[in-house]
Amino acid sequence: MVEKEIDSLCSQYGLKPTNLSDLTLKVNFPDPDMEHGFSAEENSFYLSLYQELNAASSPPGEGYSSAYIQLVLDPEKVSSEYLADFF
């Protein structure tokens, strides 16, 4: 059902479905030894592991880093701000 809706929207706007893995250069899990959980990486996207939290293009606030993974995105394919808004 969802796939049909995605295909319909892509066709309507002249887009093609893309896997998130095709846009990602590296995946980082939070490091409890780091103050904010992640190293600063350009064009990073923070994907929540919980449905209640939003995706973001900036590091999560203090105490929330363990609820996210950091995806370092290929800047030639997508910007982190665009992807965060999309999610």
Protein backbone atom coordinates (compact mmCIF):
# COMPACT_ATOMS: atom_id res chain seq x y z
CA MET A 1 0.00 0.00 0.00
CA VAL A 2 2.72 2.49 0.98
CA GLU A 3 4.85 1.48 -2.01
CA LYS A 4 1.98 2.27 -4.38
CA GLU A 5 1.55 5.69 -2.81
CA ILE A 6 5.29 6.41 -3.08
CA ASP A 7 5.33 5.26 -6.71
CA SER A 8 2.31 7.46 -7.47
CA LEU A 9 3.88 10.55 -5.88
CA CYS A 10 7.21 9.95 -7.59
CA SER A 11 5.49 9.60 -10.94
CA GLN A 12 3.41 12.73 -10.32
CA TYR A 13 6.48 14.86 -9.54
CA GLY A 14 8.93 13.19 -11.92
CA LEU A 15 11.04 11.72 -9.12
CA LYS A 16 12.48 8.28 -8.55
CA PRO A 17 12.49 6.40 -5.25
CA THR A 18 15.93 6.32 -3.61
CA ASN A 19 17.17 4.19 -0.75
CA LEU A 20 18.54 6.08 2.21
CA SER A 21 21.64 3.88 2.03
CA ASP A 22 22.37 5.30 -1.45
CA LEU A 23 22.63 8.79 0.07
CA THR A 24 24.70 7.81 3.10
CA LEU A 25 28.50 7.79 3.30
CA LYS A 26 28.79 6.66 6.92
CA VAL A 27 26.60 5.64 9.88
CA ASN A 28 27.69 6.54 13.42
CA PHE A 29 26.18 5.31 16.64
CA PRO A 30 26.35 7.55 19.72
CA ASP A 31 29.57 7.44 21.72
CA PRO A 32 28.82 7.74 25.44
CA ASP A 33 32.33 9.13 26.03
CA MET A 34 31.62 12.20 23.87
CA GLU A 35 29.83 15.23 25.32
CA HIS A 36 27.14 15.33 22.61
CA GLY A 37 27.43 11.70 21.52
CA PHE A 38 28.75 12.35 18.01
CA SER A 39 31.75 13.90 16.31
CA ALA A 40 31.09 16.95 14.16
CA GLU A 41 30.64 15.76 10.57
CA GLU A 42 29.52 18.01 7.74
CA ASN A 43 26.15 17.25 6.13
CA SER A 44 25.06 14.99 8.97
CA PHE A 45 21.49 13.85 9.49
CA TYR A 46 20.30 12.58 12.86
CA LEU A 47 17.68 9.87 12.61
CA SER A 48 15.68 9.08 15.73
CA LEU A 49 15.38 5.50 16.88
CA TYR A 50 12.01 6.39 18.42
CA GLN A 51 8.86 7.43 16.63
CA GLU A 52 8.16 10.22 19.12
CA LEU A 53 11.33 12.18 18.25
CA ASN A 54 11.93 14.12 15.04
CA ALA A 55 14.82 13.72 12.65
CA ALA A 56 17.24 16.66 12.63
CA SER A 57 20.12 18.20 10.70
CA SER A 58 21.87 19.31 13.91
CA PRO A 59 23.06 17.19 16.83
CA PRO A 60 20.40 16.23 19.38
CA GLY A 61 20.24 18.10 22.65
CA GLU A 62 22.01 16.98 25.78
CA GLY A 63 20.67 13.69 27.06
CA TYR A 64 19.10 12.70 23.75
CA SER A 65 22.10 11.47 21.76
CA SER A 66 21.49 7.82 22.66
CA ALA A 67 18.10 8.08 20.93
CA TYR A 68 19.66 8.89 17.53
CA ILE A 69 22.04 7.60 14.92
CA GLN A 70 24.14 9.95 12.81
CA LEU A 71 24.10 9.52 9.04
CA VAL A 72 26.84 11.36 7.18
CA LEU A 73 25.29 12.15 3.81
CA ASP A 74 26.84 12.50 0.37
CA PRO A 75 26.64 16.27 -0.29
CA GLU A 76 26.50 15.67 -4.04
CA LYS A 77 23.20 13.80 -3.61
CA VAL A 78 21.31 15.43 -0.72
CA SER A 79 21.58 18.06 1.99
CA SER A 80 20.97 17.19 5.63
CA GLU A 81 18.54 20.12 6.02
CA TYR A 82 16.41 18.90 3.12
CA LEU A 83 16.34 15.33 4.38
CA ALA A 84 15.45 16.41 7.94
CA ASP A 85 12.54 18.45 6.56
CA PHE A 86 11.47 15.49 4.43
CA PHE A 87 11.35 13.22 7.48
